[in-house]
Amino acid sequence: MAALPLDQTEQIVSRIVALLQQRERAVFAARQSDLAQGLSPSVYVRHANLHIQQPDLGFMRQLAALDANHPAVATALDAMSYGIHLHISLHQQLLTALPVAGLSKLALTLSDHQGQAIWLCPKSVIGYSDVISLRPGTLLIAPRSLLTPLASDVLTQRHMQWIRPE
């Protein structure tokens, strides 16, 4: 088999790199109902990010439990297995009922319906080193977690809200 000329090889490599960079920036937005129907294989090829918009609490709890019997959860887990980054935007009213420990084990990011970041911290004691590097947003801590006074001061200084789900 004859080797390709150098300039042709460079063009092919450049095109592949451009396609990969385009995929890395591409976001596919879907609702829970869209996920229940499954995603087209082309989504996995063309997008590196899946944004799930406003799922219900049942979906979030089943996602935390890795319950693939729920069709939408199965699709989300499938996407993650293909290396797709998962971002979920939630209504702020759901934050007090989220399963912090289960969700924190997943490679995903969260935001509220206004775009503010939601940080999950399942530790039993949350100290300065756990909160100092957080960007503005809301910190969800596990139900029995303790927040040290210094960590609380950092959150107050940064005007960050923290919530302990029930």
N, C-alpha and C. Protein backbone atom coordinates (compact mmCIF):
# COMPACT_ATOMS: atom_id res chain seq x y z
N MET A 1 0.84 -1.16 0.00
CA MET A 1 0.00 0.00 0.00
C MET A 1 0.89 1.24 0.00
N ALA A 2 0.61 2.14 -0.90
CA ALA A 2 1.42 3.35 -1.04
C ALA A 2 1.03 4.37 0.02
N ALA A 3 2.02 5.06 0.53
CA ALA A 3 1.79 6.10 1.54
C ALA A 3 1.21 7.34 0.87
N LEU A 4 0.37 8.06 1.61
CA LEU A 4 -0.19 9.31 1.11
C LEU A 4 0.88 10.40 1.13
N PRO A 5 0.80 11.33 0.20
CA PRO A 5 1.73 12.46 0.24
C PRO A 5 1.55 13.23 1.55
N LEU A 6 2.60 13.84 2.01
CA LEU A 6 2.60 14.54 3.29
C LEU A 6 1.51 15.60 3.39
N ASP A 7 1.32 16.40 2.34
CA ASP A 7 0.31 17.46 2.39
C ASP A 7 -1.11 16.89 2.49
N GLN A 8 -1.33 15.78 1.83
CA GLN A 8 -2.65 15.14 1.90
C GLN A 8 -2.88 14.55 3.30
N THR A 9 -1.86 13.97 3.89
CA THR A 9 -1.96 13.43 5.25
C THR A 9 -2.24 14.56 6.24
N GLU A 10 -1.56 15.69 6.07
CA GLU A 10 -1.78 16.83 6.96
C GLU A 10 -3.21 17.36 6.85
N GLN A 11 -3.75 17.37 5.64
CA GLN A 11 -5.13 17.82 5.43
C GLN A 11 -6.11 16.89 6.14
N ILE A 12 -5.89 15.61 6.03
CA ILE A 12 -6.77 14.63 6.67
C ILE A 12 -6.70 14.77 8.19
N VAL A 13 -5.50 14.89 8.72
CA VAL A 13 -5.32 15.04 10.16
C VAL A 13 -5.97 16.34 10.63
N SER A 14 -5.79 17.42 9.90
CA SER A 14 -6.39 18.71 10.27
C SER A 14 -7.91 18.62 10.27
N ARG A 15 -8.48 17.94 9.30
CA ARG A 15 -9.93 17.80 9.23
C ARG A 15 -10.45 16.96 10.41
N ILE A 16 -9.76 15.90 10.75
CA ILE A 16 -10.15 15.07 11.89
C ILE A 16 -10.08 15.86 13.18
N VAL A 17 -9.02 16.62 13.37
CA VAL A 17 -8.88 17.45 14.58
C VAL A 17 -10.00 18.48 14.64
N ALA A 18 -10.33 19.10 13.51
CA ALA A 18 -11.41 20.09 13.48
C ALA A 18 -12.75 19.45 13.85
N LEU A 19 -13.02 18.26 13.34
CA LEU A 19 -14.26 17.56 13.67
C LEU A 19 -14.33 17.20 15.15
N LEU A 20 -13.22 16.76 15.71
CA LEU A 20 -13.18 16.42 17.14
C LEU A 20 -13.37 17.66 18.01
N GLN A 21 -12.77 18.77 17.59
CA GLN A 21 -12.95 20.01 18.35
C GLN A 21 -14.39 20.49 18.27
N GLN A 22 -15.00 20.35 17.10
CA GLN A 22 -16.40 20.73 16.93
C GLN A 22 -17.29 19.87 17.82
N ARG A 23 -17.03 18.56 17.88
CA ARG A 23 -17.81 17.66 18.72
C ARG A 23 -17.66 18.03 20.20
N GLU A 24 -16.45 18.39 20.61
CA GLU A 24 -16.19 18.72 22.01
C GLU A 24 -17.01 19.92 22.46
N ARG A 25 -17.27 20.85 21.56
CA ARG A 25 -18.06 22.04 21.90
C ARG A 25 -19.56 21.84 21.74
N ALA A 26 -19.96 20.79 21.05
CA ALA A 26 -21.37 20.59 20.72
C ALA A 26 -22.16 20.09 21.92
N VAL A 27 -23.31 20.71 22.14
CA VAL A 27 -24.20 20.35 23.25
C VAL A 27 -25.54 19.92 22.66
N PHE A 28 -26.02 18.77 23.08
CA PHE A 28 -27.33 18.31 22.68
C PHE A 28 -28.26 18.51 23.87
N ALA A 29 -29.27 19.33 23.70
CA ALA A 29 -30.22 19.61 24.77
C ALA A 29 -31.44 18.69 24.62
N ALA A 30 -31.88 18.12 25.72
CA ALA A 30 -33.03 17.21 25.69
C ALA A 30 -33.82 17.32 26.98
N ARG A 31 -35.08 17.00 26.87
CA ARG A 31 -35.94 16.91 28.04
C ARG A 31 -36.04 15.44 28.44
N GLN A 32 -36.54 15.20 29.62
CA GLN A 32 -36.68 13.84 30.13
C GLN A 32 -37.51 12.99 29.16
N SER A 33 -38.56 13.56 28.60
CA SER A 33 -39.41 12.81 27.67
C SER A 33 -38.65 12.41 26.41
N ASP A 34 -37.72 13.26 25.96
CA ASP A 34 -36.88 12.92 24.80
C ASP A 34 -35.99 11.73 25.12
N LEU A 35 -35.44 11.73 26.33
CA LEU A 35 -34.54 10.65 26.73
C LEU A 35 -35.29 9.33 26.87
N ALA A 36 -36.55 9.39 27.28
CA ALA A 36 -37.34 8.16 27.44
C ALA A 36 -37.52 7.45 26.10
N GLN A 37 -37.47 8.22 25.02
CA GLN A 37 -37.60 7.64 23.68
C GLN A 37 -36.26 7.17 23.12
N GLY A 38 -35.19 7.48 23.82
CA GLY A 38 -33.85 7.11 23.37
C GLY A 38 -33.26 8.18 22.49
N LEU A 39 -31.96 8.11 22.28
CA LEU A 39 -31.26 9.08 21.44
C LEU A 39 -30.75 8.40 20.18
N SER A 40 -30.71 9.16 19.14
CA SER A 40 -30.16 8.66 17.88
C SER A 40 -28.65 8.45 18.05
N PRO A 41 -28.10 7.41 17.43
CA PRO A 41 -26.65 7.20 17.51
C PRO A 41 -25.84 8.40 17.01
N SER A 42 -26.42 9.21 16.14
CA SER A 42 -25.71 10.38 15.63
C SER A 42 -25.42 11.39 16.74
N VAL A 43 -26.25 11.39 17.79
CA VAL A 43 -26.02 12.30 18.92
C VAL A 43 -24.68 11.97 19.57
N TYR A 44 -24.40 10.68 19.73
CA TYR A 44 -23.15 10.25 20.36
C TYR A 44 -21.93 10.61 19.51
N VAL A 45 -22.12 10.63 18.21
CA VAL A 45 -21.02 10.92 17.29
C VAL A 45 -20.76 12.42 17.21
N ARG A 46 -21.82 13.21 17.25
CA ARG A 46 -21.69 14.65 16.98
C ARG A 46 -21.62 15.53 18.22
N HIS A 47 -21.91 14.97 19.38
CA HIS A 47 -21.97 15.79 20.60
C HIS A 47 -21.16 15.15 21.73
N ALA A 48 -20.46 15.98 22.47
CA ALA A 48 -19.71 15.50 23.64
C ALA A 48 -20.42 15.87 24.93
N ASN A 49 -21.51 16.64 24.81
CA ASN A 49 -22.23 17.13 25.98
C ASN A 49 -23.72 16.93 25.81
N LEU A 50 -24.35 16.42 26.86
CA LEU A 50 -25.80 16.24 26.88
C LEU A 50 -26.35 17.09 28.02
N HIS A 51 -27.25 18.01 27.67
CA HIS A 51 -27.87 18.89 28.66
C HIS A 51 -29.31 18.44 28.85
N ILE A 52 -29.60 17.93 30.03
CA ILE A 52 -30.96 17.49 30.35
C ILE A 52 -31.66 18.64 31.06
N GLN A 53 -32.75 19.09 30.48
CA GLN A 53 -33.44 20.27 30.97
C GLN A 53 -34.65 19.89 31.82
N GLN A 54 -34.66 20.36 33.05
CA GLN A 54 -35.79 20.29 33.97
C GLN A 54 -36.38 18.88 34.17
N PRO A 55 -35.57 17.88 34.50
CA PRO A 55 -36.15 16.56 34.79
C PRO A 55 -36.90 16.61 36.12
N ASP A 56 -37.76 15.62 36.33
CA ASP A 56 -38.50 15.59 37.59
C ASP A 56 -37.69 14.90 38.68
N LEU A 57 -38.20 14.95 39.89
CA LEU A 57 -37.50 14.40 41.04
C LEU A 57 -37.34 12.88 40.93
N GLY A 58 -38.35 12.21 40.39
CA GLY A 58 -38.26 10.76 40.21
C GLY A 58 -37.09 10.38 39.34
N PHE A 59 -36.88 11.11 38.25
CA PHE A 59 -35.74 10.87 37.37
C PHE A 59 -34.44 11.04 38.14
N MET A 60 -34.32 12.11 38.90
CA MET A 60 -33.09 12.39 39.63
C MET A 60 -32.80 11.30 40.66
N ARG A 61 -33.83 10.84 41.34
CA ARG A 61 -33.63 9.79 42.34
C ARG A 61 -33.24 8.47 41.67
N GLN A 62 -33.86 8.16 40.55
CA GLN A 62 -33.52 6.91 39.87
C GLN A 62 -32.15 7.00 39.21
N LEU A 63 -31.75 8.19 38.77
CA LEU A 63 -30.40 8.38 38.24
C LEU A 63 -29.38 8.15 39.34
N ALA A 64 -29.63 8.70 40.51
CA ALA A 64 -28.72 8.52 41.64
C ALA A 64 -28.61 7.05 42.03
N ALA A 65 -29.69 6.31 41.84
CA ALA A 65 -29.70 4.88 42.17
C ALA A 65 -29.21 4.01 41.00
N LEU A 66 -28.87 4.67 39.89
CA LEU A 66 -28.43 3.98 38.67
C LEU A 66 -29.48 2.97 38.19
N ASP A 67 -30.74 3.34 38.30
CA ASP A 67 -31.85 2.47 37.94
C ASP A 67 -32.12 2.52 36.44
N ALA A 68 -31.54 1.59 35.70
CA ALA A 68 -31.67 1.56 34.25
C ALA A 68 -33.03 1.04 33.80
N ASN A 69 -33.92 0.68 34.74
CA ASN A 69 -35.28 0.28 34.37
C ASN A 69 -36.11 1.48 33.94
N HIS A 70 -35.70 2.67 34.35
CA HIS A 70 -36.36 3.90 33.93
C HIS A 70 -35.78 4.25 32.56
N PRO A 71 -36.60 4.33 31.50
CA PRO A 71 -36.07 4.53 30.14
C PRO A 71 -35.20 5.78 29.98
N ALA A 72 -35.60 6.89 30.57
CA ALA A 72 -34.81 8.12 30.44
C ALA A 72 -33.48 8.00 31.17
N VAL A 73 -33.49 7.35 32.33
CA VAL A 73 -32.26 7.13 33.08
C VAL A 73 -31.34 6.20 32.30
N ALA A 74 -31.90 5.17 31.71
CA ALA A 74 -31.11 4.23 30.91
C ALA A 74 -30.41 4.97 29.77
N THR A 75 -31.10 5.89 29.12
CA THR A 75 -30.50 6.67 28.04
C THR A 75 -29.38 7.56 28.56
N ALA A 76 -29.61 8.21 29.70
CA ALA A 76 -28.58 9.07 30.29
C ALA A 76 -27.34 8.26 30.67
N LEU A 77 -27.54 7.10 31.27
CA LEU A 77 -26.41 6.25 31.65
C LEU A 77 -25.68 5.73 30.41
N ASP A 78 -26.43 5.43 29.37
CA ASP A 78 -25.84 4.99 28.11
C ASP A 78 -24.95 6.09 27.53
N ALA A 79 -25.47 7.31 27.54
CA ALA A 79 -24.69 8.45 27.03
C ALA A 79 -23.39 8.61 27.82
N MET A 80 -23.49 8.49 29.14
CA MET A 80 -22.29 8.61 29.97
C MET A 80 -21.29 7.50 29.66
N SER A 81 -21.79 6.32 29.35
CA SER A 81 -20.88 5.21 29.05
C SER A 81 -20.13 5.44 27.74
N TYR A 82 -20.68 6.29 26.88
CA TYR A 82 -20.00 6.66 25.63
C TYR A 82 -19.08 7.86 25.81
N GLY A 83 -18.95 8.33 27.04
CA GLY A 83 -18.06 9.47 27.31
C GLY A 83 -18.72 10.82 27.14
N ILE A 84 -20.01 10.85 27.02
CA ILE A 84 -20.74 12.11 26.90
C ILE A 84 -20.83 12.74 28.29
N HIS A 85 -20.49 14.01 28.38
CA HIS A 85 -20.59 14.73 29.65
C HIS A 85 -22.06 15.10 29.87
N LEU A 86 -22.54 14.84 31.06
CA LEU A 86 -23.93 15.09 31.41
C LEU A 86 -24.04 16.36 32.24
N HIS A 87 -24.92 17.26 31.80
CA HIS A 87 -25.23 18.46 32.58
C HIS A 87 -26.75 18.49 32.76
N ILE A 88 -27.18 18.72 33.98
CA ILE A 88 -28.61 18.73 34.27
C ILE A 88 -28.98 20.07 34.88
N SER A 89 -29.99 20.71 34.29
CA SER A 89 -30.50 21.95 34.89
C SER A 89 -31.82 21.60 35.58
N LEU A 90 -31.91 21.99 36.85
CA LEU A 90 -33.04 21.63 37.71
C LEU A 90 -33.78 22.86 38.18
N HIS A 91 -35.04 22.67 38.49
CA HIS A 91 -35.77 23.76 39.14
C HIS A 91 -35.29 23.82 40.58
N GLN A 92 -35.13 25.01 41.09
CA GLN A 92 -34.58 25.22 42.43
C GLN A 92 -35.43 24.56 43.51
N GLN A 93 -36.71 24.37 43.28
CA GLN A 93 -37.57 23.75 44.28
C GLN A 93 -37.22 22.28 44.53
N LEU A 94 -36.53 21.64 43.60
CA LEU A 94 -36.16 20.23 43.77
C LEU A 94 -34.91 20.04 44.64
N LEU A 95 -34.15 21.09 44.85
CA LEU A 95 -32.85 20.96 45.51
C LEU A 95 -32.94 20.35 46.90
N THR A 96 -33.98 20.64 47.65
CA THR A 96 -34.08 20.13 49.01
C THR A 96 -34.38 18.64 49.07
N ALA A 97 -34.73 18.04 47.95
CA ALA A 97 -35.09 16.62 47.94
C ALA A 97 -34.10 15.75 47.16
N LEU A 98 -33.02 16.33 46.68
CA LEU A 98 -32.07 15.56 45.88
C LEU A 98 -31.23 14.60 46.72
N PRO A 99 -30.95 13.42 46.20
CA PRO A 99 -30.07 12.47 46.90
C PRO A 99 -28.60 12.83 46.65
N VAL A 100 -28.06 13.62 47.53
CA VAL A 100 -26.71 14.16 47.36
C VAL A 100 -25.66 13.06 47.23
N ALA A 101 -25.70 12.07 48.08
CA ALA A 101 -24.67 11.02 48.06
C ALA A 101 -24.67 10.26 46.74
N GLY A 102 -25.83 9.85 46.27
CA GLY A 102 -25.90 9.10 45.02
C GLY A 102 -25.50 9.91 43.81
N LEU A 103 -25.96 11.15 43.74
CA LEU A 103 -25.63 11.99 42.59
C LEU A 103 -24.15 12.39 42.57
N SER A 104 -23.56 12.54 43.74
CA SER A 104 -22.15 12.97 43.79
C SER A 104 -21.20 11.90 43.26
N LYS A 105 -21.67 10.66 43.15
CA LYS A 105 -20.83 9.59 42.62
C LYS A 105 -20.78 9.59 41.10
N LEU A 106 -21.66 10.37 40.48
CA LEU A 106 -21.74 10.40 39.03
C LEU A 106 -20.93 11.55 38.45
N ALA A 107 -20.39 11.34 37.27
CA ALA A 107 -19.63 12.38 36.57
C ALA A 107 -20.62 13.28 35.83
N LEU A 108 -21.18 14.24 36.56
CA LEU A 108 -22.12 15.17 35.94
C LEU A 108 -22.00 16.52 36.61
N THR A 109 -22.56 17.52 35.96
CA THR A 109 -22.63 18.85 36.55
C THR A 109 -24.09 19.24 36.64
N LEU A 110 -24.38 20.11 37.60
CA LEU A 110 -25.75 20.55 37.82
C LEU A 110 -25.82 22.07 37.85
N SER A 111 -26.97 22.58 37.46
CA SER A 111 -27.26 24.01 37.62
C SER A 111 -28.74 24.15 37.91
N ASP A 112 -29.11 25.31 38.47
CA ASP A 112 -30.52 25.53 38.70
C ASP A 112 -31.15 26.12 37.44
N HIS A 113 -32.45 26.37 37.50
CA HIS A 113 -33.17 26.85 36.32
C HIS A 113 -32.74 28.25 35.88
N GLN A 114 -31.97 28.94 36.71
CA GLN A 114 -31.47 30.27 36.36
C GLN A 114 -30.01 30.22 35.91
N GLY A 115 -29.44 29.02 35.83
CA GLY A 115 -28.07 28.87 35.34
C GLY A 115 -26.99 28.90 36.41
N GLN A 116 -27.37 29.05 37.68
CA GLN A 116 -26.39 29.06 38.77
C GLN A 116 -25.90 27.64 39.04
N ALA A 117 -24.61 27.48 39.27
CA ALA A 117 -24.02 26.17 39.53
C ALA A 117 -24.55 25.58 40.83
N ILE A 118 -24.69 24.26 40.82
CA ILE A 118 -25.06 23.52 42.02
C ILE A 118 -23.91 22.57 42.30
N TRP A 119 -23.37 22.65 43.50
CA TRP A 119 -22.24 21.80 43.90
C TRP A 119 -22.74 20.77 44.90
N LEU A 120 -22.29 19.55 44.76
CA LEU A 120 -22.68 18.47 45.67
C LEU A 120 -21.51 18.11 46.58
N CYS A 121 -21.79 17.98 47.87
CA CYS A 121 -20.74 17.59 48.81
C CYS A 121 -21.33 16.60 49.81
N PRO A 122 -21.03 15.29 49.62
CA PRO A 122 -21.61 14.27 50.49
C PRO A 122 -20.82 14.00 51.76
N LYS A 123 -19.74 14.74 51.99
CA LYS A 123 -18.89 14.49 53.16
C LYS A 123 -19.66 14.71 54.46
N SER A 124 -19.20 14.04 55.50
CA SER A 124 -19.86 14.22 56.80
C SER A 124 -19.41 15.51 57.48
N VAL A 125 -18.19 15.96 57.21
CA VAL A 125 -17.69 17.24 57.73
C VAL A 125 -17.16 18.03 56.54
N ILE A 126 -17.68 19.23 56.36
CA ILE A 126 -17.30 20.06 55.23
C ILE A 126 -16.50 21.24 55.76
N GLY A 127 -15.26 21.30 55.33
CA GLY A 127 -14.36 22.32 55.83
C GLY A 127 -13.96 23.33 54.77
N TYR A 128 -13.06 24.20 55.16
CA TYR A 128 -12.56 25.26 54.31
C TYR A 128 -12.06 24.74 52.96
N SER A 129 -11.26 23.68 52.99
CA SER A 129 -10.67 23.16 51.76
C SER A 129 -11.72 22.61 50.79
N ASP A 130 -12.90 22.25 51.30
CA ASP A 130 -13.96 21.74 50.45
C ASP A 130 -14.71 22.84 49.71
N VAL A 131 -14.69 24.06 50.24
CA VAL A 131 -15.50 25.13 49.65
C VAL A 131 -14.69 26.26 49.04
N ILE A 132 -13.41 26.36 49.35
CA ILE A 132 -12.64 27.52 48.91
C ILE A 132 -12.51 27.62 47.39
N SER A 133 -12.50 26.50 46.70
CA SER A 133 -12.31 26.55 45.25
C SER A 133 -13.62 26.58 44.46
N LEU A 134 -14.76 26.59 45.15
CA LEU A 134 -16.05 26.60 44.46
C LEU A 134 -16.35 27.96 43.86
N ARG A 135 -16.90 27.93 42.67
CA ARG A 135 -17.39 29.16 42.03
C ARG A 135 -18.77 29.46 42.61
N PRO A 136 -19.27 30.67 42.43
CA PRO A 136 -20.58 31.03 42.96
C PRO A 136 -21.67 30.05 42.52
N GLY A 137 -22.60 29.81 43.43
CA GLY A 137 -23.70 28.90 43.17
C GLY A 137 -24.29 28.42 44.48
N THR A 138 -24.86 27.23 44.46
CA THR A 138 -25.49 26.65 45.64
C THR A 138 -24.77 25.35 45.98
N LEU A 139 -24.47 25.18 47.26
CA LEU A 139 -23.83 23.96 47.75
C LEU A 139 -24.87 23.08 48.41
N LEU A 140 -25.02 21.86 47.92
CA LEU A 140 -25.90 20.88 48.54
C LEU A 140 -25.05 19.96 49.38
N ILE A 141 -25.40 19.83 50.65
CA ILE A 141 -24.65 18.96 51.54
C ILE A 141 -25.55 17.81 51.98
N ALA A 142 -24.94 16.73 52.39
CA ALA A 142 -25.69 15.55 52.83
C ALA A 142 -26.51 15.87 54.08
N PRO A 143 -27.58 15.13 54.31
CA PRO A 143 -28.50 15.44 55.42
C PRO A 143 -27.85 15.59 56.79
N ARG A 144 -26.86 14.79 57.13
CA ARG A 144 -26.27 14.87 58.47
C ARG A 144 -24.89 15.53 58.47
N SER A 145 -24.54 16.20 57.40
CA SER A 145 -23.22 16.84 57.30
C SER A 145 -23.09 18.02 58.24
N LEU A 146 -21.87 18.23 58.67
CA LEU A 146 -21.54 19.40 59.50
C LEU A 146 -20.72 20.36 58.66
N LEU A 147 -21.04 21.61 58.75
CA LEU A 147 -20.32 22.66 58.04
C LEU A 147 -19.48 23.41 59.08
N THR A 148 -18.16 23.42 58.90
CA THR A 148 -17.30 24.09 59.88
C THR A 148 -17.55 25.60 59.82
N PRO A 149 -17.27 26.30 60.90
CA PRO A 149 -17.48 27.75 60.91
C PRO A 149 -16.68 28.46 59.81
N LEU A 150 -15.44 28.01 59.56
CA LEU A 150 -14.64 28.65 58.52
C LEU A 150 -15.25 28.41 57.14
N ALA A 151 -15.73 27.23 56.88
CA ALA A 151 -16.39 26.94 55.60
C ALA A 151 -17.65 27.79 55.46
N SER A 152 -18.39 27.91 56.54
CA SER A 152 -19.60 28.74 56.52
C SER A 152 -19.26 30.20 56.23
N ASP A 153 -18.16 30.69 56.82
CA ASP A 153 -17.72 32.07 56.57
C ASP A 153 -17.38 32.28 55.10
N VAL A 154 -16.69 31.32 54.49
CA VAL A 154 -16.32 31.43 53.07
C VAL A 154 -17.59 31.50 52.22
N LEU A 155 -18.55 30.64 52.51
CA LEU A 155 -19.80 30.65 51.75
C LEU A 155 -20.54 31.97 51.92
N THR A 156 -20.55 32.50 53.13
CA THR A 156 -21.20 33.78 53.38
C THR A 156 -20.51 34.91 52.64
N GLN A 157 -19.17 34.95 52.71
CA GLN A 157 -18.41 36.00 52.02
C GLN A 157 -18.64 35.97 50.51
N ARG A 158 -18.84 34.80 49.96
CA ARG A 158 -19.05 34.66 48.51
C ARG A 158 -20.52 34.71 48.12
N HIS A 159 -21.37 34.98 49.09
CA HIS A 159 -22.81 35.05 48.87
C HIS A 159 -23.34 33.77 48.25
N MET A 160 -22.82 32.64 48.74
CA MET A 160 -23.26 31.33 48.26
C MET A 160 -24.25 30.75 49.24
N GLN A 161 -25.28 30.16 48.70
CA GLN A 161 -26.30 29.50 49.51
C GLN A 161 -25.88 28.05 49.72
N TRP A 162 -26.20 27.51 50.87
CA TRP A 162 -26.00 26.07 51.07
C TRP A 162 -27.30 25.47 51.56
N ILE A 163 -27.56 24.25 51.10
CA ILE A 163 -28.82 23.57 51.39
C ILE A 163 -28.51 22.17 51.89
N ARG A 164 -29.20 21.80 52.95
CA ARG A 164 -29.12 20.44 53.48
C ARG A 164 -30.43 19.75 53.12
N PRO A 165 -30.42 18.85 52.11
CA PRO A 165 -31.67 18.17 51.73
C PRO A 165 -32.23 17.37 52.90
N GLU A 166 -33.52 17.13 52.83
CA GLU A 166 -34.23 16.39 53.89
C GLU A 166 -33.95 14.91 53.79
